[in-house]
Amino acid sequence: MSQDTPFGYTMSVIGGKWKMVIIYLSAENQPVRFNDLKRQIGAITFKIWSSQLKELEADGLVKRKEYPQVPPKVEYSLTDKAETLLPVLEALCEWGIKNQNN
């Protein structure tokens, strides 16, 4: 799918198994620490988890804030750009509610 189209770009940003889950859970618990969010998601490997967060950060959807302390503390929150996706995710949830048992 070409990223040259609006649909292609959108899918490149939110596509995959975990990105929408990360955005959805982050919206409920901002800011959230790395391990707390991973714990909420459950069955995801560290490699995939870290990769998905880095991609979301690179795409401007997640902000990473690192605190200079020992032990290290890192928090993640959604950017304004990501906040504009929340109505889309809510619409997908509504679709699921209406069609899950049909």
PDB file of N, CA and C in Angstrom:
ATOM      1  N   MET A   1       0.855  -1.177   0.000  1.00  0.00           N
ATOM      2  CA  MET A   1       0.000   0.000   0.000  1.00  0.00           C
ATOM      3  C   MET A   1       0.898   1.235   0.000  1.00  0.00           C
ATOM      4  N   SER A   2       0.614   2.151  -0.835  1.00  0.00           N
ATOM      5  CA  SER A   2       1.443   3.336  -0.994  1.00  0.00           C
ATOM      6  C   SER A   2       1.186   4.362   0.107  1.00  0.00           C
ATOM      7  N   GLN A   3       2.272   4.879   0.681  1.00  0.00           N
ATOM      8  CA  GLN A   3       2.139   5.930   1.684  1.00  0.00           C
ATOM      9  C   GLN A   3       1.836   7.276   1.033  1.00  0.00           C
ATOM     10  N   ASP A   4       1.788   7.291  -0.297  1.00  0.00           N
ATOM     11  CA  ASP A   4       1.505   8.529  -1.020  1.00  0.00           C
ATOM     12  C   ASP A   4       0.044   8.939  -0.934  1.00  0.00           C
ATOM     13  N   THR A   5      -0.822   8.011  -0.548  1.00  0.00           N
ATOM     14  CA  THR A   5      -2.236   8.331  -0.424  1.00  0.00           C
ATOM     15  C   THR A   5      -2.562   8.597   1.043  1.00  0.00           C
ATOM     16  N   PRO A   6      -3.601   9.359   1.322  1.00  0.00           N
ATOM     17  CA  PRO A   6      -3.978   9.595   2.714  1.00  0.00           C
ATOM     18  C   PRO A   6      -4.275   8.297   3.474  1.00  0.00           C
ATOM     19  N   PHE A   7      -4.954   7.352   2.819  1.00  0.00           N
ATOM     20  CA  PHE A   7      -5.253   6.087   3.473  1.00  0.00           C
ATOM     21  C   PHE A   7      -3.973   5.299   3.748  1.00  0.00           C
ATOM     22  N   GLY A   8      -3.073   5.272   2.784  1.00  0.00           N
ATOM     23  CA  GLY A   8      -1.798   4.573   2.943  1.00  0.00           C
ATOM     24  C   GLY A   8      -0.976   5.152   4.072  1.00  0.00           C
ATOM     25  N   TYR A   9      -0.947   6.487   4.146  1.00  0.00           N
ATOM     26  CA  TYR A   9      -0.214   7.137   5.238  1.00  0.00           C
ATOM     27  C   TYR A   9      -0.823   6.764   6.587  1.00  0.00           C
ATOM     28  N   THR A  10      -2.142   6.850   6.684  1.00  0.00           N
ATOM     29  CA  THR A  10      -2.819   6.526   7.939  1.00  0.00           C
ATOM     30  C   THR A  10      -2.517   5.102   8.371  1.00  0.00           C
ATOM     31  N   MET A  11      -2.600   4.163   7.442  1.00  0.00           N
ATOM     32  CA  MET A  11      -2.327   2.766   7.785  1.00  0.00           C
ATOM     33  C   MET A  11      -0.869   2.555   8.179  1.00  0.00           C
ATOM     34  N   SER A  12       0.044   3.313   7.581  1.00  0.00           N
ATOM     35  CA  SER A  12       1.451   3.160   7.958  1.00  0.00           C
ATOM     36  C   SER A  12       1.691   3.659   9.379  1.00  0.00           C
ATOM     37  N   VAL A  13       0.900   4.622   9.807  1.00  0.00           N
ATOM     38  CA  VAL A  13       1.068   5.192  11.144  1.00  0.00           C
ATOM     39  C   VAL A  13       0.384   4.345  12.214  1.00  0.00           C
ATOM     40  N   ILE A  14      -0.810   3.835  11.947  1.00  0.00           N
ATOM     41  CA  ILE A  14      -1.555   3.107  12.982  1.00  0.00           C
ATOM     42  C   ILE A  14      -1.653   1.612  12.727  1.00  0.00           C
ATOM     43  N   GLY A  15      -1.132   1.152  11.591  1.00  0.00           N
ATOM     44  CA  GLY A  15      -1.239  -0.258  11.234  1.00  0.00           C
ATOM     45  C   GLY A  15      -0.429  -1.155  12.153  1.00  0.00           C
ATOM     46  N   GLY A  16      -0.760  -2.414  12.128  1.00  0.00           N
ATOM     47  CA  GLY A  16      -0.077  -3.386  12.972  1.00  0.00           C
ATOM     48  C   GLY A  16      -0.949  -3.787  14.142  1.00  0.00           C
ATOM     49  N   LYS A  17      -0.498  -4.780  14.846  1.00  0.00           N
ATOM     50  CA  LYS A  17      -1.299  -5.379  15.907  1.00  0.00           C
ATOM     51  C   LYS A  17      -1.392  -4.511  17.156  1.00  0.00           C
ATOM     52  N   TRP A  18      -0.367  -3.724  17.459  1.00  0.00           N
ATOM     53  CA  TRP A  18      -0.283  -3.082  18.770  1.00  0.00           C
ATOM     54  C   TRP A  18      -0.429  -1.571  18.795  1.00  0.00           C
ATOM     55  N   LYS A  19      -0.224  -0.870  17.701  1.00  0.00           N
ATOM     56  CA  LYS A  19      -0.182   0.592  17.742  1.00  0.00           C
ATOM     57  C   LYS A  19      -1.488   1.212  18.219  1.00  0.00           C
ATOM     58  N   MET A  20      -2.605   0.743  17.710  1.00  0.00           N
ATOM     59  CA  MET A  20      -3.885   1.317  18.145  1.00  0.00           C
ATOM     60  C   MET A  20      -4.163   0.978  19.602  1.00  0.00           C
ATOM     61  N   VAL A  21      -3.734  -0.201  20.045  1.00  0.00           N
ATOM     62  CA  VAL A  21      -3.898  -0.585  21.449  1.00  0.00           C
ATOM     63  C   VAL A  21      -3.076   0.352  22.336  1.00  0.00           C
ATOM     64  N   ILE A  22      -1.848   0.625  21.935  1.00  0.00           N
ATOM     65  CA  ILE A  22      -0.982   1.529  22.696  1.00  0.00           C
ATOM     66  C   ILE A  22      -1.601   2.922  22.776  1.00  0.00           C
ATOM     67  N   ILE A  23      -2.093   3.419  21.668  1.00  0.00           N
ATOM     68  CA  ILE A  23      -2.718   4.749  21.647  1.00  0.00           C
ATOM     69  C   ILE A  23      -3.957   4.763  22.544  1.00  0.00           C
ATOM     70  N   TYR A  24      -4.786   3.750  22.418  1.00  0.00           N
ATOM     71  CA  TYR A  24      -6.031   3.678  23.187  1.00  0.00           C
ATOM     72  C   TYR A  24      -5.754   3.633  24.686  1.00  0.00           C
ATOM     73  N   LEU A  25      -4.843   2.761  25.110  1.00  0.00           N
ATOM     74  CA  LEU A  25      -4.533   2.656  26.535  1.00  0.00           C
ATOM     75  C   LEU A  25      -3.806   3.887  27.051  1.00  0.00           C
ATOM     76  N   SER A  26      -2.964   4.477  26.234  1.00  0.00           N
ATOM     77  CA  SER A  26      -2.262   5.693  26.647  1.00  0.00           C
ATOM     78  C   SER A  26      -3.237   6.832  26.886  1.00  0.00           C
ATOM     79  N   ALA A  27      -4.290   6.885  26.090  1.00  0.00           N
ATOM     80  CA  ALA A  27      -5.279   7.953  26.235  1.00  0.00           C
ATOM     81  C   ALA A  27      -5.970   7.888  27.583  1.00  0.00           C
ATOM     82  N   GLU A  28      -6.134   6.688  28.110  1.00  0.00           N
ATOM     83  CA  GLU A  28      -6.829   6.515  29.384  1.00  0.00           C
ATOM     84  C   GLU A  28      -5.948   6.804  30.588  1.00  0.00           C
ATOM     85  N   ASN A  29      -4.636   6.761  30.427  1.00  0.00           N
ATOM     86  CA  ASN A  29      -3.733   6.817  31.575  1.00  0.00           C
ATOM     87  C   ASN A  29      -2.543   7.752  31.370  1.00  0.00           C
ATOM     88  N   GLN A  30      -2.742   8.935  30.857  1.00  0.00           N
ATOM     89  CA  GLN A  30      -1.612   9.815  30.567  1.00  0.00           C
ATOM     90  C   GLN A  30      -1.151  10.591  31.775  1.00  0.00           C
ATOM     91  N   PRO A  31       0.137  10.835  31.928  1.00  0.00           N
ATOM     92  CA  PRO A  31       1.218  10.108  31.269  1.00  0.00           C
ATOM     93  C   PRO A  31       1.349   8.731  31.886  1.00  0.00           C
ATOM     94  N   VAL A  32       1.966   7.828  31.158  1.00  0.00           N
ATOM     95  CA  VAL A  32       2.099   6.453  31.637  1.00  0.00           C
ATOM     96  C   VAL A  32       3.551   6.011  31.518  1.00  0.00           C
ATOM     97  N   ARG A  33       3.981   5.237  32.484  1.00  0.00           N
ATOM     98  CA  ARG A  33       5.348   4.733  32.468  1.00  0.00           C
ATOM     99  C   ARG A  33       5.438   3.509  31.570  1.00  0.00           C
ATOM    100  N   PHE A  34       6.632   3.305  31.036  1.00  0.00           N
ATOM    101  CA  PHE A  34       6.911   2.244  30.074  1.00  0.00           C
ATOM    102  C   PHE A  34       6.384   0.887  30.548  1.00  0.00           C
ATOM    103  N   ASN A  35       6.811   0.439  31.720  1.00  0.00           N
ATOM    104  CA  ASN A  35       6.426  -0.890  32.202  1.00  0.00           C
ATOM    105  C   ASN A  35       4.953  -0.974  32.592  1.00  0.00           C
ATOM    106  N   ASP A  36       4.379   0.122  33.071  1.00  0.00           N
ATOM    107  CA  ASP A  36       2.953   0.118  33.419  1.00  0.00           C
ATOM    108  C   ASP A  36       2.100  -0.112  32.171  1.00  0.00           C
ATOM    109  N   LEU A  37       2.448   0.569  31.099  1.00  0.00           N
ATOM    110  CA  LEU A  37       1.693   0.416  29.856  1.00  0.00           C
ATOM    111  C   LEU A  37       1.894  -0.984  29.281  1.00  0.00           C
ATOM    112  N   LYS A  38       3.118  -1.480  29.330  1.00  0.00           N
ATOM    113  CA  LYS A  38       3.395  -2.835  28.836  1.00  0.00           C
ATOM    114  C   LYS A  38       2.593  -3.867  29.633  1.00  0.00           C
ATOM    115  N   ARG A  39       2.509  -3.678  30.930  1.00  0.00           N
ATOM    116  CA  ARG A  39       1.755  -4.593  31.792  1.00  0.00           C
ATOM    117  C   ARG A  39       0.266  -4.594  31.412  1.00  0.00           C
ATOM    118  N   GLN A  40      -0.279  -3.433  31.085  1.00  0.00           N
ATOM    119  CA  GLN A  40      -1.687  -3.348  30.692  1.00  0.00           C
ATOM    120  C   GLN A  40      -1.955  -4.078  29.384  1.00  0.00           C
ATOM    121  N   ILE A  41      -0.999  -4.025  28.488  1.00  0.00           N
ATOM    122  CA  ILE A  41      -1.168  -4.663  27.184  1.00  0.00           C
ATOM    123  C   ILE A  41      -1.067  -6.176  27.308  1.00  0.00           C
ATOM    124  N   GLY A  42      -0.143  -6.649  28.111  1.00  0.00           N
ATOM    125  CA  GLY A  42      -0.036  -8.090  28.329  1.00  0.00           C
ATOM    126  C   GLY A  42       0.938  -8.772  27.399  1.00  0.00           C
ATOM    127  N   ALA A  43       0.431  -9.686  26.584  1.00  0.00           N
ATOM    128  CA  ALA A  43       1.257 -10.602  25.791  1.00  0.00           C
ATOM    129  C   ALA A  43       1.933  -9.905  24.614  1.00  0.00           C
ATOM    130  N   ILE A  44       2.992  -9.168  24.898  1.00  0.00           N
ATOM    131  CA  ILE A  44       3.778  -8.514  23.857  1.00  0.00           C
ATOM    132  C   ILE A  44       5.239  -8.646  24.270  1.00  0.00           C
ATOM    133  N   THR A  45       6.081  -8.983  23.320  1.00  0.00           N
ATOM    134  CA  THR A  45       7.497  -9.138  23.641  1.00  0.00           C
ATOM    135  C   THR A  45       8.134  -7.763  23.827  1.00  0.00           C
ATOM    136  N   PHE A  46       9.234  -7.736  24.573  1.00  0.00           N
ATOM    137  CA  PHE A  46       9.929  -6.471  24.806  1.00  0.00           C
ATOM    138  C   PHE A  46      10.376  -5.847  23.492  1.00  0.00           C
ATOM    139  N   LYS A  47      10.878  -6.666  22.578  1.00  0.00           N
ATOM    140  CA  LYS A  47      11.372  -6.165  21.293  1.00  0.00           C
ATOM    141  C   LYS A  47      10.262  -5.486  20.494  1.00  0.00           C
ATOM    142  N   ILE A  48       9.120  -6.145  20.387  1.00  0.00           N
ATOM    143  CA  ILE A  48       7.981  -5.575  19.652  1.00  0.00           C
ATOM    144  C   ILE A  48       7.464  -4.334  20.363  1.00  0.00           C
ATOM    145  N   TRP A  49       7.331  -4.412  21.665  1.00  0.00           N
ATOM    146  CA  TRP A  49       6.845  -3.290  22.470  1.00  0.00           C
ATOM    147  C   TRP A  49       7.702  -2.052  22.243  1.00  0.00           C
ATOM    148  N   SER A  50       9.004  -2.228  22.377  1.00  0.00           N
ATOM    149  CA  SER A  50       9.943  -1.126  22.213  1.00  0.00           C
ATOM    150  C   SER A  50       9.895  -0.577  20.788  1.00  0.00           C
ATOM    151  N   SER A  51       9.834  -1.467  19.820  1.00  0.00           N
ATOM    152  CA  SER A  51       9.785  -1.070  18.413  1.00  0.00           C
ATOM    153  C   SER A  51       8.523  -0.261  18.098  1.00  0.00           C
ATOM    154  N   GLN A  52       7.369  -0.719  18.587  1.00  0.00           N
ATOM    155  CA  GLN A  52       6.107  -0.024  18.328  1.00  0.00           C
ATOM    156  C   GLN A  52       6.110   1.374  18.949  1.00  0.00           C
ATOM    157  N   LEU A  53       6.632   1.488  20.169  1.00  0.00           N
ATOM    158  CA  LEU A  53       6.711   2.802  20.817  1.00  0.00           C
ATOM    159  C   LEU A  53       7.625   3.743  20.044  1.00  0.00           C
ATOM    160  N   LYS A  54       8.762   3.229  19.594  1.00  0.00           N
ATOM    161  CA  LYS A  54       9.696   4.061  18.818  1.00  0.00           C
ATOM    162  C   LYS A  54       9.073   4.531  17.513  1.00  0.00           C
ATOM    163  N   GLU A  55       8.327   3.651  16.854  1.00  0.00           N
ATOM    164  CA  GLU A  55       7.653   4.040  15.614  1.00  0.00           C
ATOM    165  C   GLU A  55       6.591   5.097  15.871  1.00  0.00           C
ATOM    166  N   LEU A  56       5.819   4.934  16.933  1.00  0.00           N
ATOM    167  CA  LEU A  56       4.799   5.929  17.278  1.00  0.00           C
ATOM    168  C   LEU A  56       5.448   7.264  17.616  1.00  0.00           C
ATOM    169  N   GLU A  57       6.577   7.216  18.277  1.00  0.00           N
ATOM    170  CA  GLU A  57       7.299   8.444  18.605  1.00  0.00           C
ATOM    171  C   GLU A  57       7.837   9.096  17.330  1.00  0.00           C
ATOM    172  N   ALA A  58       8.417   8.304  16.444  1.00  0.00           N
ATOM    173  CA  ALA A  58       8.951   8.833  15.187  1.00  0.00           C
ATOM    174  C   ALA A  58       7.858   9.443  14.313  1.00  0.00           C
ATOM    175  N   ASP A  59       6.646   8.883  14.392  1.00  0.00           N
ATOM    176  CA  ASP A  59       5.522   9.398  13.611  1.00  0.00           C
ATOM    177  C   ASP A  59       4.823  10.576  14.282  1.00  0.00           C
ATOM    178  N   GLY A  60       5.326  10.989  15.442  1.00  0.00           N
ATOM    179  CA  GLY A  60       4.773  12.157  16.110  1.00  0.00           C
ATOM    180  C   GLY A  60       3.487  11.906  16.871  1.00  0.00           C
ATOM    181  N   LEU A  61       3.234  10.642  17.261  1.00  0.00           N
ATOM    182  CA  LEU A  61       2.005  10.335  17.984  1.00  0.00           C
ATOM    183  C   LEU A  61       2.222  10.172  19.483  1.00  0.00           C
ATOM    184  N   VAL A  62       3.447   9.862  19.877  1.00  0.00           N
ATOM    185  CA  VAL A  62       3.766   9.630  21.281  1.00  0.00           C
ATOM    186  C   VAL A  62       4.951  10.500  21.674  1.00  0.00           C
ATOM    187  N   LYS A  63       4.830  11.117  22.851  1.00  0.00           N
ATOM    188  CA  LYS A  63       5.941  11.897  23.420  1.00  0.00           C
ATOM    189  C   LYS A  63       6.598  11.051  24.501  1.00  0.00           C
ATOM    190  N   ARG A  64       7.911  11.068  24.504  1.00  0.00           N
ATOM    191  CA  ARG A  64       8.688  10.343  25.508  1.00  0.00           C
ATOM    192  C   ARG A  64       9.384  11.374  26.383  1.00  0.00           C
ATOM    193  N   LYS A  65       9.198  11.257  27.683  1.00  0.00           N
ATOM    194  CA  LYS A  65       9.853  12.176  28.609  1.00  0.00           C
ATOM    195  C   LYS A  65      10.706  11.352  29.567  1.00  0.00           C
ATOM    196  N   GLU A  66      11.983  11.645  29.560  1.00  0.00           N
ATOM    197  CA  GLU A  66      12.928  10.925  30.409  1.00  0.00           C
ATOM    198  C   GLU A  66      13.358  11.826  31.552  1.00  0.00           C
ATOM    199  N   TYR A  67      13.295  11.299  32.761  1.00  0.00           N
ATOM    200  CA  TYR A  67      13.687  12.050  33.943  1.00  0.00           C
ATOM    201  C   TYR A  67      15.091  11.631  34.358  1.00  0.00           C
ATOM    202  N   PRO A  68      15.971  12.611  34.643  1.00  0.00           N
ATOM    203  CA  PRO A  68      17.350  12.288  35.022  1.00  0.00           C
ATOM    204  C   PRO A  68      17.439  11.862  36.484  1.00  0.00           C
ATOM    205  N   GLN A  69      17.178  10.609  36.733  1.00  0.00           N
ATOM    206  CA  GLN A  69      17.215  10.088  38.087  1.00  0.00           C
ATOM    207  C   GLN A  69      17.647   8.634  38.060  1.00  0.00           C
ATOM    208  N   VAL A  70      17.949   8.105  39.228  1.00  0.00           N
ATOM    209  CA  VAL A  70      18.312   6.708  39.372  1.00  0.00           C
ATOM    210  C   VAL A  70      17.307   6.068  40.315  1.00  0.00           C
ATOM    211  N   PRO A  71      16.622   4.993  39.914  1.00  0.00           N
ATOM    212  CA  PRO A  71      16.660   4.386  38.585  1.00  0.00           C
ATOM    213  C   PRO A  71      15.967   5.277  37.553  1.00  0.00           C
ATOM    214  N   PRO A  72      16.262   5.064  36.274  1.00  0.00           N
ATOM    215  CA  PRO A  72      15.686   5.916  35.225  1.00  0.00           C
ATOM    216  C   PRO A  72      14.156   5.858  35.231  1.00  0.00           C
ATOM    217  N   LYS A  73      13.566   6.980  34.951  1.00  0.00           N
ATOM    218  CA  LYS A  73      12.109   7.062  34.852  1.00  0.00           C
ATOM    219  C   LYS A  73      11.764   7.649  33.493  1.00  0.00           C
ATOM    220  N   VAL A  74      10.918   6.944  32.756  1.00  0.00           N
ATOM    221  CA  VAL A  74      10.485   7.403  31.440  1.00  0.00           C
ATOM    222  C   VAL A  74       8.967   7.339  31.398  1.00  0.00           C
ATOM    223  N   GLU A  75       8.358   8.418  30.937  1.00  0.00           N
ATOM    224  CA  GLU A  75       6.904   8.461  30.788  1.00  0.00           C
ATOM    225  C   GLU A  75       6.553   8.740  29.335  1.00  0.00           C
ATOM    226  N   TYR A  76       5.409   8.203  28.939  1.00  0.00           N
ATOM    227  CA  TYR A  76       4.905   8.407  27.585  1.00  0.00           C
ATOM    228  C   TYR A  76       3.532   9.051  27.661  1.00  0.00           C
ATOM    229  N   SER A  77       3.277   9.932  26.705  1.00  0.00           N
ATOM    230  CA  SER A  77       1.956  10.534  26.589  1.00  0.00           C
ATOM    231  C   SER A  77       1.667  10.775  25.110  1.00  0.00           C
ATOM    232  N   LEU A  78       0.405  10.999  24.815  1.00  0.00           N
ATOM    233  CA  LEU A  78       0.010  11.235  23.432  1.00  0.00           C
ATOM    234  C   LEU A  78       0.258  12.678  23.039  1.00  0.00           C
ATOM    235  N   THR A  79       0.586  12.875  21.786  1.00  0.00           N
ATOM    236  CA  THR A  79       0.737  14.219  21.243  1.00  0.00           C
ATOM    237  C   THR A  79      -0.639  14.722  20.807  1.00  0.00           C
ATOM    238  N   ASP A  80      -0.704  15.995  20.462  1.00  0.00           N
ATOM    239  CA  ASP A  80      -1.954  16.552  19.936  1.00  0.00           C
ATOM    240  C   ASP A  80      -2.375  15.813  18.666  1.00  0.00           C
ATOM    241  N   LYS A  81      -1.392  15.438  17.855  1.00  0.00           N
ATOM    242  CA  LYS A  81      -1.674  14.689  16.620  1.00  0.00           C
ATOM    243  C   LYS A  81      -2.376  13.373  16.950  1.00  0.00           C
ATOM    244  N   ALA A  82      -1.893  12.669  17.970  1.00  0.00           N
ATOM    245  CA  ALA A  82      -2.500  11.399  18.364  1.00  0.00           C
ATOM    246  C   ALA A  82      -3.902  11.613  18.928  1.00  0.00           C
ATOM    247  N   GLU A  83      -4.088  12.698  19.634  1.00  0.00           N
ATOM    248  CA  GLU A  83      -5.412  12.997  20.213  1.00  0.00           C
ATOM    249  C   GLU A  83      -6.476  13.082  19.125  1.00  0.00           C
ATOM    250  N   THR A  84      -6.076  13.520  17.915  1.00  0.00           N
ATOM    251  CA  THR A  84      -7.052  13.611  16.824  1.00  0.00           C
ATOM    252  C   THR A  84      -7.473  12.245  16.313  1.00  0.00           C
ATOM    253  N   LEU A  85      -6.729  11.193  16.673  1.00  0.00           N
ATOM    254  CA  LEU A  85      -7.097   9.830  16.287  1.00  0.00           C
ATOM    255  C   LEU A  85      -8.123   9.208  17.232  1.00  0.00           C
ATOM    256  N   LEU A  86      -8.275   9.759  18.418  1.00  0.00           N
ATOM    257  CA  LEU A  86      -9.157   9.144  19.414  1.00  0.00           C
ATOM    258  C   LEU A  86     -10.604   9.001  18.943  1.00  0.00           C
ATOM    259  N   PRO A  87     -11.181   9.997  18.259  1.00  0.00           N
ATOM    260  CA  PRO A  87     -12.543   9.787  17.747  1.00  0.00           C
ATOM    261  C   PRO A  87     -12.618   8.639  16.731  1.00  0.00           C
ATOM    262  N   VAL A  88     -11.557   8.443  15.964  1.00  0.00           N
ATOM    263  CA  VAL A  88     -11.514   7.339  15.006  1.00  0.00           C
ATOM    264  C   VAL A  88     -11.514   6.005  15.757  1.00  0.00           C
ATOM    265  N   LEU A  89     -10.699   5.911  16.811  1.00  0.00           N
ATOM    266  CA  LEU A  89     -10.652   4.686  17.607  1.00  0.00           C
ATOM    267  C   LEU A  89     -11.985   4.429  18.301  1.00  0.00           C
ATOM    268  N   GLU A  90     -12.613   5.496  18.777  1.00  0.00           N
ATOM    269  CA  GLU A  90     -13.925   5.350  19.408  1.00  0.00           C
ATOM    270  C   GLU A  90     -14.959   4.856  18.398  1.00  0.00           C
ATOM    271  N   ALA A  91     -14.879   5.353  17.169  1.00  0.00           N
ATOM    272  CA  ALA A  91     -15.802   4.895  16.123  1.00  0.00           C
ATOM    273  C   ALA A  91     -15.572   3.417  15.820  1.00  0.00           C
ATOM    274  N   LEU A  92     -14.330   2.977  15.816  1.00  0.00           N
ATOM    275  CA  LEU A  92     -14.037   1.559  15.604  1.00  0.00           C
ATOM    276  C   LEU A  92     -14.609   0.713  16.743  1.00  0.00           C
ATOM    277  N   CYS A  93     -14.506   1.207  17.964  1.00  0.00           N
ATOM    278  CA  CYS A  93     -15.086   0.488  19.105  1.00  0.00           C
ATOM    279  C   CYS A  93     -16.599   0.382  18.968  1.00  0.00           C
ATOM    280  N   GLU A  94     -17.233   1.469  18.570  1.00  0.00           N
ATOM    281  CA  GLU A  94     -18.689   1.455  18.373  1.00  0.00           C
ATOM    282  C   GLU A  94     -19.081   0.452  17.294  1.00  0.00           C
ATOM    283  N   TRP A  95     -18.303   0.407  16.226  1.00  0.00           N
ATOM    284  CA  TRP A  95     -18.561  -0.557  15.168  1.00  0.00           C
ATOM    285  C   TRP A  95     -18.472  -1.969  15.727  1.00  0.00           C
ATOM    286  N   GLY A  96     -17.470  -2.233  16.553  1.00  0.00           N
ATOM    287  CA  GLY A  96     -17.300  -3.549  17.171  1.00  0.00           C
ATOM    288  C   GLY A  96     -18.465  -3.914  18.056  1.00  0.00           C
ATOM    289  N   ILE A  97     -18.946  -2.943  18.839  1.00  0.00           N
ATOM    290  CA  ILE A  97     -20.102  -3.183  19.718  1.00  0.00           C
ATOM    291  C   ILE A  97     -21.316  -3.588  18.902  1.00  0.00           C
ATOM    292  N   LYS A  98     -21.539  -2.898  17.801  1.00  0.00           N
ATOM    293  CA  LYS A  98     -22.722  -3.162  16.972  1.00  0.00           C
ATOM    294  C   LYS A  98     -22.621  -4.460  16.183  1.00  0.00           C
ATOM    295  N   ASN A  99     -21.425  -4.886  15.843  1.00  0.00           N
ATOM    296  CA  ASN A  99     -21.271  -5.997  14.910  1.00  0.00           C
ATOM    297  C   ASN A  99     -20.613  -7.250  15.480  1.00  0.00           C
ATOM    298  N   GLN A 100     -20.162  -7.227  16.706  1.00  0.00           N
ATOM    299  CA  GLN A 100     -19.426  -8.352  17.276  1.00  0.00           C
ATOM    300  C   GLN A 100     -20.232  -9.653  17.285  1.00  0.00           C
ATOM    301  N   ASN A 101     -21.471  -9.577  17.623  1.00  0.00           N
ATOM    302  CA  ASN A 101     -22.288 -10.793  17.772  1.00  0.00           C
ATOM    303  C   ASN A 101     -23.211 -11.057  16.588  1.00  0.00           C
ATOM    304  N   ASN A 102     -23.011 -10.396  15.488  1.00  0.00           N
ATOM    305  CA  ASN A 102     -23.880 -10.592  14.307  1.00  0.00           C
ATOM    306  C   ASN A 102     -23.364 -11.706  13.431  1.00  0.00           C
TER     307      ASN A 102
END
